[in-house]
Amino acid sequence: MPCALTQSYTLDCRDSIGGIKEVWFAAHEDIATWTGSNGAYTAVTMDAGKYFWKYELVKESSNFAEAVNTNVQNGTVFYAQTLEIILNKLQVNTRNEILLLAKNRLVALVKDNNDKIWVLGYANGLDLTGGGSGTGTAFGDRNGYTLTFTGNEKELGALFTGTPPVSA
């Protein structure tokens, strides 16, 4: 059978926590090559002068999820990736960067609270498809942005164990 199962799953220690702490974005077209295989990448090479850009996130405010989508009758399966990030404080420079994020097909490296980095949008890219900005009402309300990025991939997001190439 070409899709034979290869392993079992056993319960592990309860030492994993939810949430993400930072994300790096790059334009999908700026990536030259990935190094690695079988769901894990050790390096990414960018086109000359291109980088990933780091976004630090407020704790317990942002997340990513992947939904399995299958159609038994058509014999298809794909994975819908959703990344939602919160950026506090309405600012002109953040506004201007959001305009650029919305115009690009992106790849995201997402660092979770277990210090694992996951690749989203590897083959087909992510798009900024929703979100908004607001001031809130009360003094304790958020003043800032909520951004939702989505994409569809042939496989679940891969683990990235290298160092993201970031701008200085």
Protein backbone atom coordinates (compact mmCIF):
# COMPACT_ATOMS: atom_id res chain seq x y z
CA MET A 1 0.00 0.00 0.00
CA PRO A 2 1.54 3.35 -1.02
CA CYS A 3 0.22 5.23 2.03
CA ALA A 4 1.12 2.70 4.73
CA LEU A 5 1.15 3.93 8.32
CA THR A 6 4.61 4.08 9.88
CA GLN A 7 4.26 4.74 13.62
CA SER A 8 2.09 4.72 16.71
CA TYR A 9 1.33 7.65 19.01
CA THR A 10 1.87 7.47 22.75
CA LEU A 11 1.07 10.00 25.44
CA ASP A 12 4.01 12.17 26.40
CA CYS A 13 4.85 14.46 29.32
CA ARG A 14 2.49 17.37 29.87
CA ASP A 15 5.07 20.03 29.15
CA SER A 16 3.60 21.80 26.11
CA ILE A 17 1.86 25.18 26.25
CA GLY A 18 -0.31 27.11 23.81
CA GLY A 19 0.14 30.38 21.99
CA ILE A 20 2.80 32.03 19.88
CA LYS A 21 5.40 34.60 20.84
CA GLU A 22 6.71 35.96 17.54
CA VAL A 23 6.38 35.65 13.80
CA TRP A 24 8.69 36.47 10.90
CA PHE A 25 7.20 37.43 7.53
CA ALA A 26 8.81 37.39 4.08
CA ALA A 27 7.43 37.77 0.61
CA HIS A 28 6.99 34.28 -0.86
CA GLU A 29 8.80 35.33 -4.06
CA ASP A 30 11.91 36.41 -2.08
CA ILE A 31 12.73 32.85 -0.96
CA ALA A 32 15.32 31.08 -3.10
CA THR A 33 15.57 27.62 -1.46
CA TRP A 34 14.67 25.54 1.57
CA THR A 35 17.01 22.93 3.04
CA GLY A 36 15.49 19.85 4.67
CA SER A 37 12.86 17.20 4.13
CA ASN A 38 10.15 15.07 5.74
CA GLY A 39 8.41 17.97 7.44
CA ALA A 40 11.51 19.64 8.89
CA TYR A 41 13.67 22.39 7.43
CA THR A 42 17.08 23.39 8.72
CA ALA A 43 17.69 26.49 6.59
CA VAL A 44 16.13 28.94 4.19
CA THR A 45 18.06 30.97 1.61
CA MET A 46 16.71 34.33 0.51
CA ASP A 47 17.25 36.21 -2.74
CA ALA A 48 20.01 38.84 -2.48
CA GLY A 49 19.07 41.70 -0.17
CA LYS A 50 15.81 40.06 1.00
CA TYR A 51 14.95 39.09 4.57
CA PHE A 52 12.30 37.92 6.99
CA TRP A 53 10.88 40.70 9.19
CA LYS A 54 10.27 39.93 12.87
CA TYR A 55 7.03 40.82 14.64
CA GLU A 56 7.09 40.51 18.43
CA LEU A 57 3.71 39.59 19.89
CA VAL A 58 2.05 40.30 23.22
CA LYS A 59 1.82 37.11 25.26
CA GLU A 60 -1.40 35.13 25.10
CA SER A 61 -2.81 37.22 22.25
CA SER A 62 -2.00 35.42 18.97
CA ASN A 63 -2.29 31.93 17.48
CA PHE A 64 -2.18 29.71 14.44
CA ALA A 65 -4.28 26.72 13.47
CA GLU A 66 -4.38 24.18 10.66
CA ALA A 67 -7.59 22.48 9.59
CA VAL A 68 -7.59 19.19 7.70
CA ASN A 69 -9.87 19.32 4.64
CA THR A 70 -10.69 16.12 2.77
CA ASN A 71 -13.15 15.07 0.12
CA VAL A 72 -13.46 11.29 0.07
CA GLN A 73 -15.37 11.24 -3.22
CA ASN A 74 -12.75 13.37 -5.02
CA GLY A 75 -9.76 11.79 -3.27
CA THR A 76 -8.38 15.16 -2.15
CA VAL A 77 -6.83 16.45 1.05
CA PHE A 78 -5.40 19.86 1.90
CA TYR A 79 -4.65 21.88 5.01
CA ALA A 80 -6.15 25.31 5.67
CA GLN A 81 -3.71 27.45 7.65
CA THR A 82 -4.88 30.42 9.72
CA LEU A 83 -2.58 32.81 11.56
CA GLU A 84 -4.08 35.54 13.73
CA ILE A 85 -1.86 38.16 15.29
CA ILE A 86 -2.56 41.14 17.53
CA LEU A 87 -0.50 44.32 17.24
CA ASN A 88 -1.18 46.84 19.99
CA LYS A 89 -1.19 50.60 19.46
CA LEU A 90 -2.41 52.36 16.34
CA GLN A 91 0.67 53.87 14.67
CA VAL A 92 1.45 55.23 11.22
CA ASN A 93 4.49 52.97 10.67
CA THR A 94 2.47 49.87 11.62
CA ARG A 95 -0.40 51.01 9.37
CA ASN A 96 1.99 51.43 6.45
CA GLU A 97 3.49 47.97 6.98
CA ILE A 98 0.02 46.39 7.12
CA LEU A 99 -0.70 47.92 3.70
CA LEU A 100 2.41 46.10 2.39
CA LEU A 101 1.53 42.81 4.11
CA ALA A 102 -1.87 42.94 2.38
CA LYS A 103 -0.29 43.38 -1.06
CA ASN A 104 2.07 40.38 -0.82
CA ARG A 105 1.84 36.60 -0.83
CA LEU A 106 3.72 35.72 2.35
CA VAL A 107 5.61 32.98 4.13
CA ALA A 108 5.50 33.05 7.92
CA LEU A 109 7.86 31.49 10.41
CA VAL A 110 5.86 31.21 13.63
CA LYS A 111 7.62 30.69 16.96
CA ASP A 112 5.32 29.06 19.47
CA ASN A 113 5.57 29.23 23.25
CA ASN A 114 7.42 25.89 23.22
CA ASP A 115 10.22 27.60 21.21
CA LYS A 116 9.42 25.62 18.08
CA ILE A 117 9.27 27.47 14.77
CA TRP A 118 6.65 26.41 12.20
CA VAL A 119 6.59 27.26 8.48
CA LEU A 120 3.23 28.51 7.17
CA GLY A 121 2.57 29.28 3.52
CA TYR A 122 5.54 27.23 2.32
CA ALA A 123 4.27 26.27 -1.15
CA ASN A 124 1.31 28.54 -1.85
CA GLY A 125 1.81 31.47 0.50
CA LEU A 126 -0.39 33.20 3.03
CA ASP A 127 -2.64 36.16 2.32
CA LEU A 128 -3.85 38.83 4.69
CA THR A 129 -7.57 38.06 4.43
CA GLY A 130 -9.15 39.70 7.45
CA GLY A 131 -8.79 41.74 10.57
CA GLY A 132 -9.13 45.37 11.39
CA SER A 133 -8.15 48.17 13.68
CA GLY A 134 -9.84 49.99 16.50
CA THR A 135 -9.45 52.22 19.51
CA GLY A 136 -11.64 50.33 21.93
CA THR A 137 -14.01 52.22 24.24
CA ALA A 138 -12.76 51.98 27.82
CA PHE A 139 -9.27 52.89 29.00
CA GLY A 140 -8.43 49.19 29.38
CA ASP A 141 -9.53 48.23 25.84
CA ARG A 142 -7.11 47.37 23.04
CA ASN A 143 -5.99 50.16 20.78
CA GLY A 144 -4.46 48.38 17.83
CA TYR A 145 -4.78 45.86 15.03
CA THR A 146 -6.03 42.30 14.58
CA LEU A 147 -4.66 40.62 11.43
CA THR A 148 -5.77 37.27 9.99
CA PHE A 149 -3.64 35.47 7.40
CA THR A 150 -4.89 32.37 5.60
CA GLY A 151 -3.56 29.88 3.10
CA ASN A 152 -4.07 26.37 1.77
CA GLU A 153 -1.23 23.87 1.59
CA LYS A 154 -0.75 20.30 0.45
CA GLU A 155 0.89 19.43 3.80
CA LEU A 156 0.75 20.57 7.40
CA GLY A 157 3.24 23.29 8.36
CA ALA A 158 6.80 22.04 8.73
CA LEU A 159 9.18 22.50 11.64
CA PHE A 160 12.01 25.00 11.05
CA THR A 161 15.15 24.43 13.14
CA GLY A 162 17.41 27.03 11.57
CA THR A 163 17.89 30.72 12.21
CA PRO A 164 15.58 33.00 10.23
CA PRO A 165 17.53 35.36 7.92
CA VAL A 166 16.45 38.72 9.33
CA SER A 167 17.41 42.29 8.54
CA ALA A 168 20.02 43.92 10.73
